Amino acid sequence: MGAFHKNAYNMEVTLKKAIILSSALAMSMIFSSVASAATYDQYTASDSDTLWTISTKYGVSLSNLMAVNPKIDPNNVYKGLTLNLPNEHKQNWEIKADAIIAKGITQLGVPYVFGGDQPYKAFDCSGFIQYIFNQNGFNLPHSSSMQSDLGTFVPANQLRKGDLIFLSGTYQAGVSHVALYLGNNKILQAGTMGTREVKISDLFGVPYYEAHYWGAKRIINN
């Protein structure tokens, strides 16, 4: 391998690890607690490991992996590091929701473009939701209004990760925006308020979102 190609390869590997690490940090900001357990299985990290690759390998949520390793720096997972593995018994809906969230996190920072539905290039709100759900076995249309016709209504005090959050009257009458609920009052969305990109935002407590809140629907039932 020539010097140029070797340097390009090393840069690509570095960028991929940076994306994984930034995703891990984003997820750590979303979730903050997990039920304690008396004992944990343990894992010794290899040189190529990150918290994200370990969570994927063992089928545990990134939030719980970080919660049972509170002293470990997500940016410094090195060869020989010993980590605790959480004991998880997730329901089927939660496994689906985590997979959808994980897919969405990979698109953080992708620009918002009206009508966009291209991963790593451009999304609008419903194109983003369509992509992350359809990549996980669903068949959602590219329309926030049509997506709001799916599933069952969920009261605001019963929201759980994976639910769809809808706003109305943002740029036209009726349902006009959709986001994914992450838990802990956080949503993942391709939004236009502030930065125009795929991002994580607070929901309740933000005047704009509260003023336009239409409701929530649940399509991940089992």
N, C-alpha and C. Protein backbone atom coordinates (compact mmCIF):
# COMPACT_ATOMS: atom_id res chain seq x y z
N MET A 1 0.85 -1.19 0.00
CA MET A 1 0.00 0.00 0.00
C MET A 1 0.89 1.24 0.00
N GLY A 2 0.68 2.15 -0.95
CA GLY A 2 1.48 3.36 -1.03
C GLY A 2 1.22 4.27 0.15
N ALA A 3 2.13 5.23 0.35
CA ALA A 3 2.01 6.12 1.50
C ALA A 3 0.72 6.92 1.46
N PHE A 4 0.35 7.40 0.25
CA PHE A 4 -0.88 8.20 0.13
C PHE A 4 -2.10 7.37 0.50
N HIS A 5 -2.19 6.15 -0.07
CA HIS A 5 -3.35 5.30 0.20
C HIS A 5 -3.38 4.87 1.66
N LYS A 6 -2.19 4.63 2.23
CA LYS A 6 -2.13 4.24 3.64
C LYS A 6 -2.64 5.36 4.53
N ASN A 7 -2.22 6.60 4.22
CA ASN A 7 -2.69 7.74 5.01
C ASN A 7 -4.19 7.94 4.86
N ALA A 8 -4.69 7.76 3.64
CA ALA A 8 -6.13 7.90 3.40
C ALA A 8 -6.90 6.85 4.18
N TYR A 9 -6.36 5.62 4.18
CA TYR A 9 -7.02 4.53 4.92
C TYR A 9 -7.05 4.85 6.41
N ASN A 10 -5.91 5.32 6.94
CA ASN A 10 -5.85 5.64 8.37
C ASN A 10 -6.81 6.76 8.73
N MET A 11 -6.95 7.75 7.83
CA MET A 11 -7.89 8.84 8.08
C MET A 11 -9.32 8.32 8.10
N GLU A 12 -9.63 7.38 7.19
CA GLU A 12 -10.98 6.83 7.14
C GLU A 12 -11.30 6.07 8.42
N VAL A 13 -10.36 5.26 8.89
CA VAL A 13 -10.56 4.51 10.13
C VAL A 13 -10.76 5.46 11.30
N THR A 14 -9.94 6.53 11.35
CA THR A 14 -10.04 7.51 12.43
C THR A 14 -11.39 8.19 12.41
N LEU A 15 -11.87 8.56 11.22
CA LEU A 15 -13.17 9.22 11.11
C LEU A 15 -14.29 8.30 11.55
N LYS A 16 -14.22 7.02 11.15
CA LYS A 16 -15.26 6.08 11.54
C LYS A 16 -15.31 5.92 13.05
N LYS A 17 -14.13 5.83 13.70
CA LYS A 17 -14.10 5.69 15.15
C LYS A 17 -14.62 6.97 15.81
N ALA A 18 -14.34 8.13 15.21
CA ALA A 18 -14.82 9.40 15.77
C ALA A 18 -16.33 9.47 15.72
N ILE A 19 -16.91 8.98 14.59
CA ILE A 19 -18.37 8.97 14.46
C ILE A 19 -18.99 8.06 15.51
N ILE A 20 -18.38 6.88 15.70
CA ILE A 20 -18.90 5.94 16.69
C ILE A 20 -18.82 6.55 18.09
N LEU A 21 -17.71 7.19 18.41
CA LEU A 21 -17.53 7.80 19.72
C LEU A 21 -18.51 8.94 19.94
N SER A 22 -18.72 9.77 18.91
CA SER A 22 -19.66 10.88 19.05
C SER A 22 -21.07 10.35 19.23
N SER A 23 -21.40 9.23 18.57
CA SER A 23 -22.71 8.61 18.76
C SER A 23 -22.86 8.13 20.19
N ALA A 24 -21.81 7.52 20.73
CA ALA A 24 -21.85 7.04 22.11
C ALA A 24 -22.07 8.19 23.08
N LEU A 25 -21.38 9.31 22.84
CA LEU A 25 -21.53 10.46 23.71
C LEU A 25 -22.94 11.03 23.62
N ALA A 26 -23.50 11.05 22.41
CA ALA A 26 -24.86 11.55 22.24
C ALA A 26 -25.85 10.70 23.02
N MET A 27 -25.69 9.38 22.94
CA MET A 27 -26.58 8.49 23.65
C MET A 27 -26.42 8.65 25.16
N SER A 28 -25.21 8.88 25.63
CA SER A 28 -24.99 9.02 27.07
C SER A 28 -25.69 10.25 27.62
N MET A 29 -25.91 11.27 26.78
CA MET A 29 -26.60 12.47 27.20
C MET A 29 -28.11 12.25 27.27
N ILE A 30 -28.60 11.23 26.57
CA ILE A 30 -30.03 10.98 26.53
C ILE A 30 -30.51 10.25 27.77
N PHE A 31 -29.78 9.21 28.15
CA PHE A 31 -30.19 8.35 29.24
C PHE A 31 -29.24 8.50 30.42
N SER A 32 -29.79 8.42 31.64
CA SER A 32 -28.93 8.69 32.79
C SER A 32 -28.97 7.64 33.88
N SER A 33 -29.87 6.65 33.81
CA SER A 33 -29.96 5.70 34.90
C SER A 33 -30.31 4.32 34.41
N VAL A 34 -30.01 3.31 35.24
CA VAL A 34 -30.34 1.93 34.93
C VAL A 34 -30.45 1.20 36.25
N ALA A 35 -31.30 0.19 36.29
CA ALA A 35 -31.46 -0.58 37.52
C ALA A 35 -30.15 -1.25 37.90
N SER A 36 -29.83 -1.21 39.19
CA SER A 36 -28.57 -1.80 39.63
C SER A 36 -28.68 -3.30 39.73
N ALA A 37 -27.55 -3.98 39.60
CA ALA A 37 -27.49 -5.43 39.74
C ALA A 37 -26.32 -5.77 40.64
N ALA A 38 -26.41 -6.91 41.33
CA ALA A 38 -25.39 -7.26 42.31
C ALA A 38 -24.08 -7.63 41.62
N THR A 39 -24.16 -8.39 40.54
CA THR A 39 -22.95 -8.83 39.84
C THR A 39 -23.12 -8.63 38.34
N TYR A 40 -21.99 -8.53 37.64
CA TYR A 40 -22.01 -8.36 36.19
C TYR A 40 -21.02 -9.32 35.55
N ASP A 41 -21.35 -9.74 34.33
CA ASP A 41 -20.34 -10.39 33.51
C ASP A 41 -19.34 -9.32 33.11
N GLN A 42 -18.13 -9.73 32.78
CA GLN A 42 -17.11 -8.76 32.41
C GLN A 42 -16.55 -9.04 31.02
N TYR A 43 -16.05 -7.99 30.41
CA TYR A 43 -15.50 -8.06 29.06
C TYR A 43 -14.19 -7.28 29.02
N THR A 44 -13.20 -7.84 28.34
CA THR A 44 -11.92 -7.16 28.17
C THR A 44 -11.84 -6.60 26.75
N ALA A 45 -11.66 -5.31 26.65
CA ALA A 45 -11.70 -4.63 25.35
C ALA A 45 -10.48 -4.95 24.50
N SER A 46 -10.70 -4.98 23.19
CA SER A 46 -9.60 -5.11 22.23
C SER A 46 -9.24 -3.73 21.70
N ASP A 47 -8.22 -3.66 20.88
CA ASP A 47 -7.73 -2.37 20.39
C ASP A 47 -8.75 -1.63 19.54
N SER A 48 -9.62 -2.37 18.84
CA SER A 48 -10.57 -1.74 17.92
C SER A 48 -11.92 -1.47 18.56
N ASP A 49 -12.10 -1.81 19.84
CA ASP A 49 -13.40 -1.67 20.48
C ASP A 49 -13.75 -0.23 20.81
N THR A 50 -15.05 0.05 20.77
CA THR A 50 -15.64 1.25 21.34
C THR A 50 -16.84 0.77 22.16
N LEU A 51 -17.42 1.65 22.97
CA LEU A 51 -18.61 1.25 23.71
C LEU A 51 -19.72 0.82 22.76
N TRP A 52 -19.81 1.49 21.61
CA TRP A 52 -20.86 1.16 20.65
C TRP A 52 -20.68 -0.24 20.09
N THR A 53 -19.46 -0.60 19.70
CA THR A 53 -19.24 -1.94 19.13
C THR A 53 -19.46 -3.02 20.18
N ILE A 54 -19.11 -2.73 21.43
CA ILE A 54 -19.32 -3.72 22.50
C ILE A 54 -20.80 -3.91 22.76
N SER A 55 -21.56 -2.81 22.80
CA SER A 55 -23.01 -2.91 23.04
C SER A 55 -23.69 -3.69 21.92
N THR A 56 -23.24 -3.46 20.68
CA THR A 56 -23.81 -4.18 19.54
C THR A 56 -23.45 -5.65 19.59
N LYS A 57 -22.22 -5.95 19.93
CA LYS A 57 -21.75 -7.34 19.98
C LYS A 57 -22.52 -8.17 20.99
N TYR A 58 -22.85 -7.58 22.13
CA TYR A 58 -23.50 -8.33 23.20
C TYR A 58 -24.99 -8.05 23.31
N GLY A 59 -25.53 -7.25 22.41
CA GLY A 59 -26.96 -7.02 22.38
C GLY A 59 -27.49 -6.29 23.60
N VAL A 60 -26.69 -5.37 24.13
CA VAL A 60 -27.12 -4.57 25.27
C VAL A 60 -27.23 -3.12 24.84
N SER A 61 -28.07 -2.36 25.53
CA SER A 61 -28.23 -0.96 25.15
C SER A 61 -27.00 -0.15 25.56
N LEU A 62 -26.66 0.82 24.75
CA LEU A 62 -25.50 1.66 25.03
C LEU A 62 -25.68 2.42 26.33
N SER A 63 -26.91 2.88 26.59
CA SER A 63 -27.17 3.63 27.82
C SER A 63 -26.90 2.78 29.05
N ASN A 64 -27.33 1.51 29.03
CA ASN A 64 -27.10 0.64 30.19
C ASN A 64 -25.64 0.26 30.32
N LEU A 65 -24.96 0.07 29.20
CA LEU A 65 -23.53 -0.25 29.24
C LEU A 65 -22.75 0.89 29.91
N MET A 66 -23.10 2.12 29.58
CA MET A 66 -22.43 3.26 30.19
C MET A 66 -22.80 3.41 31.65
N ALA A 67 -24.06 3.07 31.99
CA ALA A 67 -24.51 3.22 33.37
C ALA A 67 -23.80 2.27 34.32
N VAL A 68 -23.47 1.06 33.85
CA VAL A 68 -22.79 0.09 34.73
C VAL A 68 -21.27 0.24 34.67
N ASN A 69 -20.80 1.21 33.89
CA ASN A 69 -19.37 1.54 33.83
C ASN A 69 -19.19 3.04 34.00
N PRO A 70 -19.65 3.60 35.13
CA PRO A 70 -19.68 5.06 35.28
C PRO A 70 -18.31 5.73 35.30
N LYS A 71 -17.25 4.98 35.59
CA LYS A 71 -15.92 5.59 35.68
C LYS A 71 -15.13 5.50 34.38
N ILE A 72 -15.73 4.88 33.36
CA ILE A 72 -15.03 4.70 32.09
C ILE A 72 -15.32 5.87 31.15
N ASP A 73 -14.29 6.43 30.59
CA ASP A 73 -14.41 7.52 29.62
C ASP A 73 -14.77 6.93 28.26
N PRO A 74 -15.93 7.29 27.69
CA PRO A 74 -16.32 6.75 26.38
C PRO A 74 -15.30 7.04 25.29
N ASN A 75 -14.51 8.09 25.46
CA ASN A 75 -13.50 8.44 24.47
C ASN A 75 -12.18 7.70 24.65
N ASN A 76 -12.11 6.85 25.69
CA ASN A 76 -10.84 6.19 25.98
C ASN A 76 -11.05 4.71 26.31
N VAL A 77 -11.62 3.98 25.35
CA VAL A 77 -11.75 2.53 25.47
C VAL A 77 -10.53 1.91 24.81
N TYR A 78 -9.66 1.34 25.60
CA TYR A 78 -8.37 0.86 25.10
C TYR A 78 -8.23 -0.65 25.31
N LYS A 79 -7.27 -1.23 24.62
CA LYS A 79 -7.00 -2.66 24.71
C LYS A 79 -6.65 -3.04 26.15
N GLY A 80 -7.35 -4.06 26.67
CA GLY A 80 -7.09 -4.53 28.02
C GLY A 80 -8.02 -3.95 29.07
N LEU A 81 -8.81 -2.93 28.69
CA LEU A 81 -9.76 -2.33 29.63
C LEU A 81 -10.85 -3.34 29.98
N THR A 82 -11.16 -3.48 31.27
CA THR A 82 -12.21 -4.39 31.72
C THR A 82 -13.50 -3.62 31.94
N LEU A 83 -14.58 -4.10 31.33
CA LEU A 83 -15.88 -3.45 31.44
C LEU A 83 -16.90 -4.41 32.02
N ASN A 84 -17.88 -3.85 32.74
CA ASN A 84 -19.03 -4.62 33.18
C ASN A 84 -20.05 -4.70 32.06
N LEU A 85 -20.72 -5.84 31.93
CA LEU A 85 -21.80 -6.01 30.95
C LEU A 85 -23.12 -6.06 31.71
N PRO A 86 -24.08 -5.19 31.36
CA PRO A 86 -25.36 -5.17 32.08
C PRO A 86 -26.17 -6.43 31.83
N ASN A 87 -26.93 -6.82 32.85
CA ASN A 87 -27.83 -7.97 32.71
C ASN A 87 -29.18 -7.43 32.24
N GLU A 88 -29.47 -7.62 30.98
CA GLU A 88 -30.68 -7.06 30.39
C GLU A 88 -31.65 -8.15 29.96
N HIS A 89 -32.91 -7.88 30.21
CA HIS A 89 -33.98 -8.76 29.75
C HIS A 89 -35.02 -7.86 29.08
N LYS A 90 -34.70 -7.40 27.90
CA LYS A 90 -35.54 -6.42 27.22
C LYS A 90 -36.73 -7.07 26.54
N GLN A 91 -37.86 -6.35 26.57
CA GLN A 91 -39.03 -6.78 25.83
C GLN A 91 -38.80 -6.53 24.34
N ASN A 92 -39.61 -7.21 23.53
CA ASN A 92 -39.43 -7.13 22.08
C ASN A 92 -39.57 -5.71 21.56
N TRP A 93 -40.54 -4.95 22.08
CA TRP A 93 -40.73 -3.57 21.61
C TRP A 93 -39.50 -2.72 21.89
N GLU A 94 -38.84 -2.99 23.04
CA GLU A 94 -37.68 -2.20 23.42
C GLU A 94 -36.49 -2.51 22.52
N ILE A 95 -36.36 -3.78 22.14
CA ILE A 95 -35.29 -4.16 21.21
C ILE A 95 -35.47 -3.42 19.88
N LYS A 96 -36.73 -3.38 19.40
CA LYS A 96 -37.02 -2.68 18.15
C LYS A 96 -36.73 -1.18 18.28
N ALA A 97 -37.18 -0.59 19.40
CA ALA A 97 -36.97 0.84 19.60
C ALA A 97 -35.48 1.17 19.65
N ASP A 98 -34.70 0.35 20.35
CA ASP A 98 -33.26 0.60 20.44
C ASP A 98 -32.60 0.52 19.06
N ALA A 99 -33.05 -0.43 18.24
CA ALA A 99 -32.48 -0.57 16.89
C ALA A 99 -32.80 0.65 16.04
N ILE A 100 -34.01 1.16 16.16
CA ILE A 100 -34.42 2.34 15.40
C ILE A 100 -33.63 3.57 15.86
N ILE A 101 -33.49 3.72 17.17
CA ILE A 101 -32.71 4.84 17.72
C ILE A 101 -31.26 4.76 17.25
N ALA A 102 -30.70 3.55 17.30
CA ALA A 102 -29.31 3.36 16.87
C ALA A 102 -29.12 3.77 15.42
N LYS A 103 -30.08 3.41 14.57
CA LYS A 103 -30.00 3.80 13.16
C LYS A 103 -30.08 5.32 13.03
N GLY A 104 -30.96 5.93 13.81
CA GLY A 104 -31.10 7.39 13.75
C GLY A 104 -29.86 8.13 14.21
N ILE A 105 -29.20 7.61 15.24
CA ILE A 105 -28.01 8.26 15.77
C ILE A 105 -26.91 8.34 14.73
N THR A 106 -26.86 7.36 13.83
CA THR A 106 -25.82 7.38 12.78
C THR A 106 -25.99 8.54 11.82
N GLN A 107 -27.16 9.19 11.84
CA GLN A 107 -27.43 10.29 10.91
C GLN A 107 -27.31 11.67 11.56
N LEU A 108 -26.85 11.73 12.80
CA LEU A 108 -26.70 13.03 13.46
C LEU A 108 -25.83 13.97 12.62
N GLY A 109 -26.33 15.19 12.45
CA GLY A 109 -25.58 16.18 11.69
C GLY A 109 -25.88 16.21 10.21
N VAL A 110 -26.64 15.23 9.71
CA VAL A 110 -27.02 15.25 8.29
C VAL A 110 -27.93 16.46 8.04
N PRO A 111 -27.69 17.23 6.99
CA PRO A 111 -28.45 18.46 6.76
C PRO A 111 -29.95 18.22 6.54
N TYR A 112 -30.75 19.19 7.01
CA TYR A 112 -32.18 19.19 6.72
C TYR A 112 -32.40 19.82 5.35
N VAL A 113 -33.11 19.09 4.49
CA VAL A 113 -33.52 19.61 3.18
C VAL A 113 -34.96 19.16 2.96
N PHE A 114 -35.84 20.09 2.66
CA PHE A 114 -37.25 19.73 2.45
C PHE A 114 -37.35 18.70 1.33
N GLY A 115 -38.04 17.60 1.60
CA GLY A 115 -38.17 16.51 0.63
C GLY A 115 -37.05 15.49 0.69
N GLY A 116 -36.03 15.75 1.53
CA GLY A 116 -34.87 14.87 1.58
C GLY A 116 -35.17 13.50 2.18
N ASP A 117 -34.58 12.47 1.58
CA ASP A 117 -34.73 11.11 2.10
C ASP A 117 -33.48 10.27 1.86
N GLN A 118 -32.32 10.94 1.78
CA GLN A 118 -31.08 10.26 1.46
C GLN A 118 -30.16 10.17 2.68
N PRO A 119 -29.90 8.96 3.19
CA PRO A 119 -29.01 8.82 4.35
C PRO A 119 -27.64 9.39 4.07
N TYR A 120 -27.08 10.05 5.08
CA TYR A 120 -25.76 10.68 5.04
C TYR A 120 -25.69 11.88 4.09
N LYS A 121 -26.82 12.25 3.47
CA LYS A 121 -26.84 13.38 2.54
C LYS A 121 -27.84 14.44 2.95
N ALA A 122 -29.12 14.09 3.03
CA ALA A 122 -30.15 15.08 3.34
C ALA A 122 -31.44 14.39 3.76
N PHE A 123 -32.11 14.96 4.76
CA PHE A 123 -33.41 14.47 5.22
C PHE A 123 -34.33 15.64 5.52
N ASP A 124 -35.63 15.43 5.32
CA ASP A 124 -36.60 16.26 6.00
C ASP A 124 -37.15 15.42 7.15
N CYS A 125 -38.10 15.96 7.93
CA CYS A 125 -38.51 15.28 9.16
C CYS A 125 -39.10 13.90 8.89
N SER A 126 -40.04 13.82 7.95
CA SER A 126 -40.70 12.53 7.71
C SER A 126 -39.83 11.58 6.91
N GLY A 127 -38.95 12.13 6.07
CA GLY A 127 -38.01 11.27 5.34
C GLY A 127 -37.05 10.58 6.29
N PHE A 128 -36.64 11.31 7.34
CA PHE A 128 -35.75 10.74 8.35
C PHE A 128 -36.45 9.62 9.12
N ILE A 129 -37.67 9.89 9.59
CA ILE A 129 -38.42 8.88 10.33
C ILE A 129 -38.72 7.67 9.45
N GLN A 130 -39.10 7.93 8.21
CA GLN A 130 -39.35 6.83 7.27
C GLN A 130 -38.11 5.95 7.15
N TYR A 131 -36.95 6.56 6.99
CA TYR A 131 -35.71 5.81 6.79
C TYR A 131 -35.37 4.94 7.99
N ILE A 132 -35.37 5.50 9.20
CA ILE A 132 -34.91 4.72 10.35
C ILE A 132 -35.90 3.62 10.73
N PHE A 133 -37.19 3.82 10.45
CA PHE A 133 -38.17 2.76 10.71
C PHE A 133 -38.13 1.70 9.62
N ASN A 134 -38.09 2.13 8.37
CA ASN A 134 -38.12 1.15 7.28
C ASN A 134 -36.86 0.31 7.22
N GLN A 135 -35.76 0.83 7.74
CA GLN A 135 -34.54 0.04 7.84
C GLN A 135 -34.67 -1.05 8.91
N ASN A 136 -35.73 -0.99 9.69
CA ASN A 136 -35.96 -1.96 10.75
C ASN A 136 -37.29 -2.71 10.60
N GLY A 137 -37.70 -2.90 9.34
CA GLY A 137 -38.83 -3.78 9.06
C GLY A 137 -40.20 -3.14 9.00
N PHE A 138 -40.28 -1.82 9.13
CA PHE A 138 -41.57 -1.13 9.03
C PHE A 138 -41.77 -0.63 7.60
N ASN A 139 -42.94 -0.07 7.33
CA ASN A 139 -43.25 0.45 6.00
C ASN A 139 -43.99 1.78 6.15
N LEU A 140 -43.25 2.81 6.52
CA LEU A 140 -43.84 4.12 6.74
C LEU A 140 -43.79 4.97 5.48
N PRO A 141 -44.82 5.81 5.27
CA PRO A 141 -44.81 6.72 4.12
C PRO A 141 -43.93 7.94 4.40
N HIS A 142 -43.59 8.66 3.34
CA HIS A 142 -42.78 9.87 3.48
C HIS A 142 -43.72 11.06 3.61
N SER A 143 -44.37 11.15 4.76
CA SER A 143 -45.32 12.23 5.03
C SER A 143 -45.63 12.24 6.52
N SER A 144 -45.40 13.36 7.19
CA SER A 144 -45.70 13.42 8.63
C SER A 144 -47.19 13.29 8.88
N SER A 145 -48.01 13.87 8.01
CA SER A 145 -49.46 13.77 8.16
C SER A 145 -49.92 12.32 8.03
N MET A 146 -49.41 11.61 7.04
CA MET A 146 -49.79 10.21 6.86
C MET A 146 -49.22 9.34 7.98
N GLN A 147 -48.05 9.66 8.47
CA GLN A 147 -47.49 8.90 9.59
C GLN A 147 -48.33 9.08 10.85
N SER A 148 -48.95 10.25 10.99
CA SER A 148 -49.78 10.50 12.18
C SER A 148 -51.07 9.68 12.16
N ASP A 149 -51.41 9.10 11.01
CA ASP A 149 -52.60 8.24 10.93
C ASP A 149 -52.31 6.82 11.42
N LEU A 150 -51.04 6.50 11.64
CA LEU A 150 -50.66 5.15 12.04
C LEU A 150 -50.64 5.01 13.56
N GLY A 151 -50.75 3.78 14.03
CA GLY A 151 -50.56 3.49 15.44
C GLY A 151 -51.68 3.97 16.34
N THR A 152 -51.39 4.04 17.63
CA THR A 152 -52.37 4.44 18.64
C THR A 152 -51.87 5.67 19.39
N PHE A 153 -52.81 6.52 19.82
CA PHE A 153 -52.46 7.72 20.57
C PHE A 153 -51.84 7.36 21.92
N VAL A 154 -50.88 8.16 22.34
CA VAL A 154 -50.21 7.97 23.63
C VAL A 154 -50.27 9.28 24.41
N PRO A 155 -50.80 9.26 25.65
CA PRO A 155 -50.78 10.48 26.46
C PRO A 155 -49.35 10.94 26.73
N ALA A 156 -49.19 12.23 26.90
CA ALA A 156 -47.85 12.79 27.09
C ALA A 156 -47.14 12.22 28.31
N ASN A 157 -47.92 11.83 29.33
CA ASN A 157 -47.29 11.30 30.55
C ASN A 157 -47.00 9.80 30.46
N GLN A 158 -47.26 9.20 29.29
CA GLN A 158 -46.99 7.77 29.11
C GLN A 158 -46.03 7.50 27.95
N LEU A 159 -45.33 8.52 27.51
CA LEU A 159 -44.41 8.36 26.39
C LEU A 159 -43.28 7.40 26.74
N ARG A 160 -42.86 6.63 25.76
CA ARG A 160 -41.69 5.77 25.92
C ARG A 160 -40.85 5.85 24.64
N LYS A 161 -39.60 5.43 24.74
CA LYS A 161 -38.72 5.52 23.58
C LYS A 161 -39.33 4.78 22.40
N GLY A 162 -39.16 5.35 21.20
CA GLY A 162 -39.71 4.76 19.99
C GLY A 162 -41.03 5.35 19.55
N ASP A 163 -41.70 6.11 20.44
CA ASP A 163 -42.96 6.75 20.06
C ASP A 163 -42.68 7.90 19.08
N LEU A 164 -43.67 8.19 18.25
CA LEU A 164 -43.56 9.30 17.30
C LEU A 164 -44.22 10.54 17.88
N ILE A 165 -43.53 11.66 17.80
CA ILE A 165 -44.02 12.95 18.30
C ILE A 165 -44.40 13.81 17.11
N PHE A 166 -45.60 14.37 17.15
CA PHE A 166 -46.08 15.18 16.02
C PHE A 166 -46.36 16.62 16.45
N LEU A 167 -45.98 17.55 15.58
CA LEU A 167 -46.30 18.96 15.75
C LEU A 167 -47.24 19.37 14.63
N SER A 168 -48.04 20.39 14.89
CA SER A 168 -48.95 20.90 13.86
C SER A 168 -48.77 22.40 13.70
N GLY A 169 -49.11 22.89 12.51
CA GLY A 169 -49.08 24.32 12.24
C GLY A 169 -47.70 24.94 12.22
N THR A 170 -46.68 24.15 11.97
CA THR A 170 -45.32 24.71 11.94
C THR A 170 -45.06 25.52 10.68
N TYR A 171 -45.59 25.04 9.56
CA TYR A 171 -45.47 25.81 8.32
C TYR A 171 -46.73 25.72 7.48
N GLN A 172 -47.65 24.85 7.90
CA GLN A 172 -48.96 24.73 7.25
C GLN A 172 -49.93 24.16 8.28
N ALA A 173 -51.23 24.27 7.99
CA ALA A 173 -52.23 23.78 8.91
C ALA A 173 -52.15 22.26 9.03
N GLY A 174 -52.53 21.74 10.18
CA GLY A 174 -52.52 20.30 10.40
C GLY A 174 -51.14 19.79 10.78
N VAL A 175 -51.02 18.47 10.90
CA VAL A 175 -49.73 17.87 11.26
C VAL A 175 -48.69 18.24 10.22
N SER A 176 -47.54 18.75 10.68
CA SER A 176 -46.52 19.22 9.73
C SER A 176 -45.10 18.87 10.15
N HIS A 177 -44.95 18.18 11.27
CA HIS A 177 -43.60 17.79 11.71
C HIS A 177 -43.68 16.51 12.54
N VAL A 178 -42.64 15.68 12.44
CA VAL A 178 -42.58 14.43 13.20
C VAL A 178 -41.17 14.24 13.74
N ALA A 179 -41.09 13.67 14.93
CA ALA A 179 -39.81 13.38 15.58
C ALA A 179 -39.92 12.06 16.32
N LEU A 180 -38.80 11.51 16.71
CA LEU A 180 -38.74 10.24 17.45
C LEU A 180 -38.45 10.52 18.92
N TYR A 181 -39.29 9.97 19.79
CA TYR A 181 -39.07 10.15 21.23
C TYR A 181 -38.00 9.18 21.71
N LEU A 182 -37.04 9.70 22.49
CA LEU A 182 -35.91 8.90 22.97
C LEU A 182 -36.02 8.53 24.44
N GLY A 183 -36.88 9.20 25.17
CA GLY A 183 -36.93 9.06 26.62
C GLY A 183 -36.31 10.28 27.27
N ASN A 184 -36.61 10.47 28.57
CA ASN A 184 -36.02 11.58 29.33
C ASN A 184 -36.24 12.93 28.66
N ASN A 185 -37.42 13.10 28.04
CA ASN A 185 -37.80 14.37 27.42
C ASN A 185 -36.93 14.76 26.23
N LYS A 186 -36.29 13.78 25.58
CA LYS A 186 -35.45 14.05 24.42
C LYS A 186 -36.11 13.50 23.16
N ILE A 187 -35.94 14.23 22.05
CA ILE A 187 -36.41 13.77 20.76
C ILE A 187 -35.27 13.80 19.75
N LEU A 188 -35.34 12.90 18.79
CA LEU A 188 -34.39 12.84 17.68
C LEU A 188 -35.15 13.24 16.43
N GLN A 189 -34.64 14.21 15.69
CA GLN A 189 -35.42 14.75 14.58
C GLN A 189 -34.52 15.37 13.52
N ALA A 190 -35.07 15.44 12.32
CA ALA A 190 -34.51 16.31 11.29
C ALA A 190 -35.32 17.60 11.38
N GLY A 191 -34.75 18.60 12.02
CA GLY A 191 -35.50 19.79 12.35
C GLY A 191 -34.92 21.06 11.78
N THR A 192 -35.71 22.13 11.87
CA THR A 192 -35.31 23.43 11.30
C THR A 192 -35.18 24.51 12.35
N MET A 193 -35.68 24.29 13.57
CA MET A 193 -35.56 25.31 14.59
C MET A 193 -34.13 25.33 15.11
N GLY A 194 -33.46 26.46 14.99
CA GLY A 194 -32.04 26.52 15.33
C GLY A 194 -31.23 25.98 14.17
N THR A 195 -30.46 24.94 14.41
CA THR A 195 -29.68 24.33 13.33
C THR A 195 -30.57 23.46 12.46
N ARG A 196 -30.34 23.48 11.16
CA ARG A 196 -31.14 22.72 10.21
C ARG A 196 -30.42 21.40 9.91
N GLU A 197 -30.70 20.39 10.75
CA GLU A 197 -29.98 19.13 10.64
C GLU A 197 -30.68 18.07 11.48
N VAL A 198 -30.19 16.84 11.38
CA VAL A 198 -30.62 15.77 12.27
C VAL A 198 -29.95 16.02 13.62
N LYS A 199 -30.75 16.07 14.68
CA LYS A 199 -30.22 16.48 15.98
C LYS A 199 -31.09 15.94 17.11
N ILE A 200 -30.59 16.08 18.32
CA ILE A 200 -31.31 15.72 19.53
C ILE A 200 -31.75 17.00 20.21
N SER A 201 -33.03 17.05 20.61
CA SER A 201 -33.58 18.26 21.21
C SER A 201 -34.41 17.90 22.44
N ASP A 202 -34.60 18.88 23.33
CA ASP A 202 -35.58 18.75 24.39
C ASP A 202 -36.97 18.90 23.78
N LEU A 203 -37.97 18.33 24.44
CA LEU A 203 -39.34 18.44 23.95
C LEU A 203 -40.14 19.40 24.83
N PHE A 204 -40.68 18.91 25.94
CA PHE A 204 -41.47 19.75 26.82
C PHE A 204 -40.55 20.72 27.57
N GLY A 205 -41.03 21.93 27.73
CA GLY A 205 -40.20 22.98 28.30
C GLY A 205 -39.65 23.91 27.24
N VAL A 206 -39.79 23.52 25.98
CA VAL A 206 -39.40 24.38 24.86
C VAL A 206 -40.68 25.03 24.32
N PRO A 207 -40.85 26.33 24.47
CA PRO A 207 -42.12 26.98 24.10
C PRO A 207 -42.61 26.66 22.70
N TYR A 208 -41.71 26.64 21.73
CA TYR A 208 -42.12 26.39 20.34
C TYR A 208 -42.75 25.01 20.21
N TYR A 209 -42.11 24.00 20.78
CA TYR A 209 -42.63 22.63 20.67
C TYR A 209 -43.93 22.48 21.45
N GLU A 210 -44.01 23.09 22.61
CA GLU A 210 -45.24 23.00 23.39
C GLU A 210 -46.41 23.69 22.68
N ALA A 211 -46.12 24.82 22.02
CA ALA A 211 -47.17 25.56 21.32
C ALA A 211 -47.72 24.78 20.13
N HIS A 212 -46.87 23.98 19.49
CA HIS A 212 -47.27 23.26 18.29
C HIS A 212 -47.50 21.76 18.52
N TYR A 213 -47.42 21.32 19.77
CA TYR A 213 -47.55 19.89 20.06
C TYR A 213 -48.94 19.39 19.67
N TRP A 214 -48.96 18.38 18.81
CA TRP A 214 -50.21 17.78 18.35
C TRP A 214 -50.53 16.51 19.11
N GLY A 215 -49.51 15.73 19.41
CA GLY A 215 -49.73 14.47 20.12
C GLY A 215 -48.67 13.45 19.75
N ALA A 216 -48.84 12.26 20.28
CA ALA A 216 -47.88 11.18 20.05
C ALA A 216 -48.61 9.92 19.63
N LYS A 217 -47.96 9.13 18.79
CA LYS A 217 -48.52 7.86 18.33
C LYS A 217 -47.50 6.75 18.57
N ARG A 218 -48.00 5.59 18.88
CA ARG A 218 -47.13 4.43 19.11
C ARG A 218 -47.37 3.39 18.03
N ILE A 219 -46.31 3.07 17.29
CA ILE A 219 -46.42 2.03 16.27
C ILE A 219 -45.53 0.83 16.58
N ILE A 220 -44.72 0.93 17.65
CA ILE A 220 -43.94 -0.22 18.11
C ILE A 220 -44.68 -0.81 19.31
N ASN A 221 -45.47 -1.83 19.06
CA ASN A 221 -46.33 -2.37 20.11
C ASN A 221 -45.83 -3.67 20.71
N ASN A 222 -45.09 -4.47 19.93
CA ASN A 222 -44.65 -5.76 20.47
C ASN A 222 -43.39 -6.20 19.74
